[in-house]
Amino acid sequence: MGLTRPGEHVAVGLVATARHTSGRYDALSRYSPLAAGESEWSEELLGRVALRLPQRVEWLGELGFASYHFEAPGLHEQRAGIGDALVRGRVLALDENMPHERFRPSLGLSGLLRAPLGALSRERSAGYGSGGVQLGLGAWEVGVGADTAHSLGPSI
């Protein structure tokens, strides 16, 4: 369910994403294409590091960098910077049953903490489109969660 697999102690991930937008939705979910001369695009790089210690607990840290661009006649907006730092912990509280036993899915419990390190936390300005989301929320966030899973078969 996380970055590390059972039996691994450390895992590292790097994800690069580029987006080019051709339109937008308004508050009433109506789509409209960008006007002539308008363009919107973003690039994002997300680094993830996970540590499984002890074996039933996974710790995951994430930090990203994003660059957002919007152009229209007479307007050019560009923002770039690091995003918020995110730390997650997940405990495997209950293992999935063995195939010969009565049905019992696995159960995981998790918690997360987001620290406002991103560009929006320093600027205190309004948000500006979906491409800028990776620059941070500008606020602390704490969360808890639970997940459950069960295999469909021995190899699925």
C-alpha atoms as a PDB file:
ATOM      1  CA  MET A   1       0.000   0.000   0.000  1.00  0.00           C
ATOM      2  CA  GLY A   2       3.007   2.289   0.308  1.00  0.00           C
ATOM      3  CA  LEU A   3       6.307   2.948  -1.409  1.00  0.00           C
ATOM      4  CA  THR A   4       8.182   0.098   0.258  1.00  0.00           C
ATOM      5  CA  ARG A   5       7.180  -3.524  -0.206  1.00  0.00           C
ATOM      6  CA  PRO A   6       7.112  -6.085   2.587  1.00  0.00           C
ATOM      7  CA  GLY A   7      10.690  -7.207   3.204  1.00  0.00           C
ATOM      8  CA  GLU A   8      12.218  -3.882   2.049  1.00  0.00           C
ATOM      9  CA  HIS A   9      13.555  -1.306   4.506  1.00  0.00           C
ATOM     10  CA  VAL A  10      14.147   1.760   2.297  1.00  0.00           C
ATOM     11  CA  ALA A  11      12.657   2.985  -0.972  1.00  0.00           C
ATOM     12  CA  VAL A  12      13.161   6.173  -2.975  1.00  0.00           C
ATOM     13  CA  GLY A  13      10.913   7.543  -5.699  1.00  0.00           C
ATOM     14  CA  LEU A  14      11.096  10.471  -8.078  1.00  0.00           C
ATOM     15  CA  VAL A  15       8.120  11.523 -10.208  1.00  0.00           C
ATOM     16  CA  ALA A  16       8.235  14.162 -12.960  1.00  0.00           C
ATOM     17  CA  THR A  17       5.029  15.529 -14.478  1.00  0.00           C
ATOM     18  CA  ALA A  18       4.348  18.087 -17.196  1.00  0.00           C
ATOM     19  CA  ARG A  19       0.844  19.406 -17.916  1.00  0.00           C
ATOM     20  CA  HIS A  20      -0.519  21.585 -20.680  1.00  0.00           C
ATOM     21  CA  THR A  21      -4.056  22.874 -20.199  1.00  0.00           C
ATOM     22  CA  SER A  22      -6.488  23.400 -23.066  1.00  0.00           C
ATOM     23  CA  GLY A  23      -9.438  24.716 -21.022  1.00  0.00           C
ATOM     24  CA  ARG A  24     -10.961  25.179 -17.592  1.00  0.00           C
ATOM     25  CA  TYR A  25     -14.108  24.472 -15.579  1.00  0.00           C
ATOM     26  CA  ASP A  26     -16.024  27.237 -13.793  1.00  0.00           C
ATOM     27  CA  ALA A  27     -17.730  26.996 -10.387  1.00  0.00           C
ATOM     28  CA  LEU A  28     -20.818  25.419 -12.005  1.00  0.00           C
ATOM     29  CA  SER A  29     -18.753  22.679 -13.709  1.00  0.00           C
ATOM     30  CA  ARG A  30     -19.109  24.212 -17.178  1.00  0.00           C
ATOM     31  CA  TYR A  31     -16.094  23.682 -19.431  1.00  0.00           C
ATOM     32  CA  SER A  32     -14.703  26.392 -21.681  1.00  0.00           C
ATOM     33  CA  PRO A  33     -11.582  26.226 -23.845  1.00  0.00           C
ATOM     34  CA  LEU A  34      -8.795  28.741 -23.337  1.00  0.00           C
ATOM     35  CA  ALA A  35      -9.206  31.853 -25.463  1.00  0.00           C
ATOM     36  CA  ALA A  36      -6.965  32.658 -28.425  1.00  0.00           C
ATOM     37  CA  GLY A  37      -3.550  33.692 -27.155  1.00  0.00           C
ATOM     38  CA  GLU A  38      -3.997  32.053 -23.733  1.00  0.00           C
ATOM     39  CA  SER A  39      -1.851  29.173 -22.530  1.00  0.00           C
ATOM     40  CA  GLU A  40      -1.381  27.436 -19.195  1.00  0.00           C
ATOM     41  CA  TRP A  41       1.190  24.786 -18.288  1.00  0.00           C
ATOM     42  CA  SER A  42       3.102  23.402 -15.317  1.00  0.00           C
ATOM     43  CA  GLU A  43       6.013  21.114 -14.510  1.00  0.00           C
ATOM     44  CA  GLU A  44       6.351  19.232 -11.241  1.00  0.00           C
ATOM     45  CA  LEU A  45       9.026  17.113  -9.600  1.00  0.00           C
ATOM     46  CA  LEU A  46       8.128  15.064  -6.511  1.00  0.00           C
ATOM     47  CA  GLY A  47      10.687  13.293  -4.343  1.00  0.00           C
ATOM     48  CA  ARG A  48       9.567  10.508  -2.012  1.00  0.00           C
ATOM     49  CA  VAL A  49      11.565   8.572   0.592  1.00  0.00           C
ATOM     50  CA  ALA A  50      10.140   5.709   2.638  1.00  0.00           C
ATOM     51  CA  LEU A  51      11.510   3.774   5.585  1.00  0.00           C
ATOM     52  CA  ARG A  52       9.963   0.564   6.899  1.00  0.00           C
ATOM     53  CA  LEU A  53      11.014   0.265  10.518  1.00  0.00           C
ATOM     54  CA  PRO A  54       9.787  -1.830  12.273  1.00  0.00           C
ATOM     55  CA  GLN A  55       8.518  -4.123   9.523  1.00  0.00           C
ATOM     56  CA  ARG A  56       4.808  -3.374  10.092  1.00  0.00           C
ATOM     57  CA  VAL A  57       5.296   0.440  10.053  1.00  0.00           C
ATOM     58  CA  GLU A  58       6.089   2.552   6.985  1.00  0.00           C
ATOM     59  CA  TRP A  59       7.265   6.170   7.273  1.00  0.00           C
ATOM     60  CA  LEU A  60       7.006   8.257   4.102  1.00  0.00           C
ATOM     61  CA  GLY A  61       8.305  11.771   3.428  1.00  0.00           C
ATOM     62  CA  GLU A  62       7.470  13.846   0.329  1.00  0.00           C
ATOM     63  CA  LEU A  63       8.777  17.151  -0.970  1.00  0.00           C
ATOM     64  CA  GLY A  64       8.203  18.597  -4.410  1.00  0.00           C
ATOM     65  CA  PHE A  65       9.134  21.464  -6.698  1.00  0.00           C
ATOM     66  CA  ALA A  66       6.673  23.007  -9.151  1.00  0.00           C
ATOM     67  CA  SER A  67       6.711  25.639 -11.865  1.00  0.00           C
ATOM     68  CA  TYR A  68       3.437  27.148 -13.107  1.00  0.00           C
ATOM     69  CA  HIS A  69       2.944  29.421 -16.140  1.00  0.00           C
ATOM     70  CA  PHE A  70      -0.073  31.317 -17.479  1.00  0.00           C
ATOM     71  CA  GLU A  71      -0.036  33.607 -20.482  1.00  0.00           C
ATOM     72  CA  ALA A  72      -2.750  35.781 -22.032  1.00  0.00           C
ATOM     73  CA  PRO A  73      -2.588  38.921 -24.160  1.00  0.00           C
ATOM     74  CA  GLY A  74      -1.002  41.546 -21.910  1.00  0.00           C
ATOM     75  CA  LEU A  75      -0.474  39.128 -18.999  1.00  0.00           C
ATOM     76  CA  HIS A  76       2.287  36.713 -18.051  1.00  0.00           C
ATOM     77  CA  GLU A  77       2.192  34.922 -14.710  1.00  0.00           C
ATOM     78  CA  GLN A  78       4.884  32.524 -13.555  1.00  0.00           C
ATOM     79  CA  ARG A  79       5.456  31.000 -10.126  1.00  0.00           C
ATOM     80  CA  ALA A  80       7.960  28.402  -9.059  1.00  0.00           C
ATOM     81  CA  GLY A  81       9.151  26.964  -5.780  1.00  0.00           C
ATOM     82  CA  ILE A  82       9.078  24.069  -3.371  1.00  0.00           C
ATOM     83  CA  GLY A  83       5.830  22.569  -2.180  1.00  0.00           C
ATOM     84  CA  ASP A  84       4.712  21.683   1.316  1.00  0.00           C
ATOM     85  CA  ALA A  85       6.537  18.925   3.203  1.00  0.00           C
ATOM     86  CA  LEU A  86       4.428  15.850   3.899  1.00  0.00           C
ATOM     87  CA  VAL A  87       5.157  13.065   6.397  1.00  0.00           C
ATOM     88  CA  ARG A  88       2.985   9.953   6.617  1.00  0.00           C
ATOM     89  CA  GLY A  89       3.064   6.984   8.935  1.00  0.00           C
ATOM     90  CA  ARG A  90       1.150   3.751   8.282  1.00  0.00           C
ATOM     91  CA  VAL A  91       0.837   0.719  10.565  1.00  0.00           C
ATOM     92  CA  LEU A  92      -0.333  -2.654   9.273  1.00  0.00           C
ATOM     93  CA  ALA A  93      -2.690  -3.462  12.151  1.00  0.00           C
ATOM     94  CA  LEU A  94      -4.152  -6.714  10.786  1.00  0.00           C
ATOM     95  CA  ASP A  95      -2.768  -9.121   8.186  1.00  0.00           C
ATOM     96  CA  GLU A  96      -4.884 -10.575   5.408  1.00  0.00           C
ATOM     97  CA  ASN A  97      -5.980 -14.168   6.040  1.00  0.00           C
ATOM     98  CA  MET A  98      -4.296 -17.164   4.442  1.00  0.00           C
ATOM     99  CA  PRO A  99      -6.187 -18.780   1.504  1.00  0.00           C
ATOM    100  CA  HIS A 100      -7.401 -21.730   3.618  1.00  0.00           C
ATOM    101  CA  GLU A 101      -8.773 -19.505   6.404  1.00  0.00           C
ATOM    102  CA  ARG A 102     -12.074 -17.637   6.700  1.00  0.00           C
ATOM    103  CA  PHE A 103     -12.219 -14.306   4.770  1.00  0.00           C
ATOM    104  CA  ARG A 104     -10.422 -11.471   6.582  1.00  0.00           C
ATOM    105  CA  PRO A 105      -8.961  -8.420   4.775  1.00  0.00           C
ATOM    106  CA  SER A 106      -5.866  -6.574   5.929  1.00  0.00           C
ATOM    107  CA  LEU A 107      -6.288  -3.374   7.930  1.00  0.00           C
ATOM    108  CA  GLY A 108      -3.919  -0.408   7.894  1.00  0.00           C
ATOM    109  CA  LEU A 109      -4.056   2.700  10.075  1.00  0.00           C
ATOM    110  CA  SER A 110      -2.323   5.908   9.027  1.00  0.00           C
ATOM    111  CA  GLY A 111      -1.630   9.474   9.992  1.00  0.00           C
ATOM    112  CA  LEU A 112      -0.235  12.424   8.086  1.00  0.00           C
ATOM    113  CA  LEU A 113       1.243  15.838   8.777  1.00  0.00           C
ATOM    114  CA  ARG A 114       1.650  18.539   6.115  1.00  0.00           C
ATOM    115  CA  ALA A 115       3.960  21.447   6.967  1.00  0.00           C
ATOM    116  CA  PRO A 116       3.436  24.714   5.025  1.00  0.00           C
ATOM    117  CA  LEU A 117       6.868  25.121   3.429  1.00  0.00           C
ATOM    118  CA  GLY A 118       5.543  25.859  -0.059  1.00  0.00           C
ATOM    119  CA  ALA A 119       5.519  29.095  -1.995  1.00  0.00           C
ATOM    120  CA  LEU A 120       1.874  29.826  -1.165  1.00  0.00           C
ATOM    121  CA  SER A 121       2.595  29.741   2.579  1.00  0.00           C
ATOM    122  CA  ARG A 122       5.025  32.658   2.140  1.00  0.00           C
ATOM    123  CA  GLU A 123       2.997  34.729  -0.333  1.00  0.00           C
ATOM    124  CA  ARG A 124      -0.436  34.556   1.335  1.00  0.00           C
ATOM    125  CA  SER A 125      -2.082  35.169  -2.013  1.00  0.00           C
ATOM    126  CA  ALA A 126      -5.125  33.586  -3.573  1.00  0.00           C
ATOM    127  CA  GLY A 127      -4.809  30.298  -5.460  1.00  0.00           C
ATOM    128  CA  TYR A 128      -4.514  30.445  -9.219  1.00  0.00           C
ATOM    129  CA  GLY A 129      -5.619  27.321 -10.986  1.00  0.00           C
ATOM    130  CA  SER A 130      -4.992  23.616 -10.777  1.00  0.00           C
ATOM    131  CA  GLY A 131      -1.395  23.862 -11.973  1.00  0.00           C
ATOM    132  CA  GLY A 132      -0.325  25.747  -8.860  1.00  0.00           C
ATOM    133  CA  VAL A 133      -1.595  23.251  -6.337  1.00  0.00           C
ATOM    134  CA  GLN A 134       1.859  21.655  -5.928  1.00  0.00           C
ATOM    135  CA  LEU A 135       3.239  24.957  -4.595  1.00  0.00           C
ATOM    136  CA  GLY A 136       1.522  24.173  -1.314  1.00  0.00           C
ATOM    137  CA  LEU A 137      -1.699  24.758   0.568  1.00  0.00           C
ATOM    138  CA  GLY A 138      -0.280  27.501   2.787  1.00  0.00           C
ATOM    139  CA  ALA A 139      -1.579  25.842   5.978  1.00  0.00           C
ATOM    140  CA  TRP A 140      -0.821  23.025   8.388  1.00  0.00           C
ATOM    141  CA  GLU A 141      -2.787  19.833   7.802  1.00  0.00           C
ATOM    142  CA  VAL A 142      -3.207  16.807  10.059  1.00  0.00           C
ATOM    143  CA  GLY A 143      -5.040  13.670   9.013  1.00  0.00           C
ATOM    144  CA  VAL A 144      -5.804  10.108  10.049  1.00  0.00           C
ATOM    145  CA  GLY A 145      -7.052   7.251   7.940  1.00  0.00           C
ATOM    146  CA  ALA A 146      -7.723   3.563   7.616  1.00  0.00           C
ATOM    147  CA  ASP A 147      -7.447   1.247   4.626  1.00  0.00           C
ATOM    148  CA  THR A 148      -8.416  -2.320   3.929  1.00  0.00           C
ATOM    149  CA  ALA A 149      -7.444  -4.735   1.166  1.00  0.00           C
ATOM    150  CA  HIS A 150      -7.861  -8.363   0.175  1.00  0.00           C
ATOM    151  CA  SER A 151      -6.285 -10.317  -2.708  1.00  0.00           C
ATOM    152  CA  LEU A 152      -8.529 -11.723  -5.420  1.00  0.00           C
ATOM    153  CA  GLY A 153      -6.389 -14.814  -5.769  1.00  0.00           C
ATOM    154  CA  PRO A 154      -2.901 -16.196  -5.071  1.00  0.00           C
ATOM    155  CA  SER A 155      -1.274 -14.042  -7.769  1.00  0.00           C
ATOM    156  CA  ILE A 156      -3.673 -11.063  -7.926  1.00  0.00           C
END
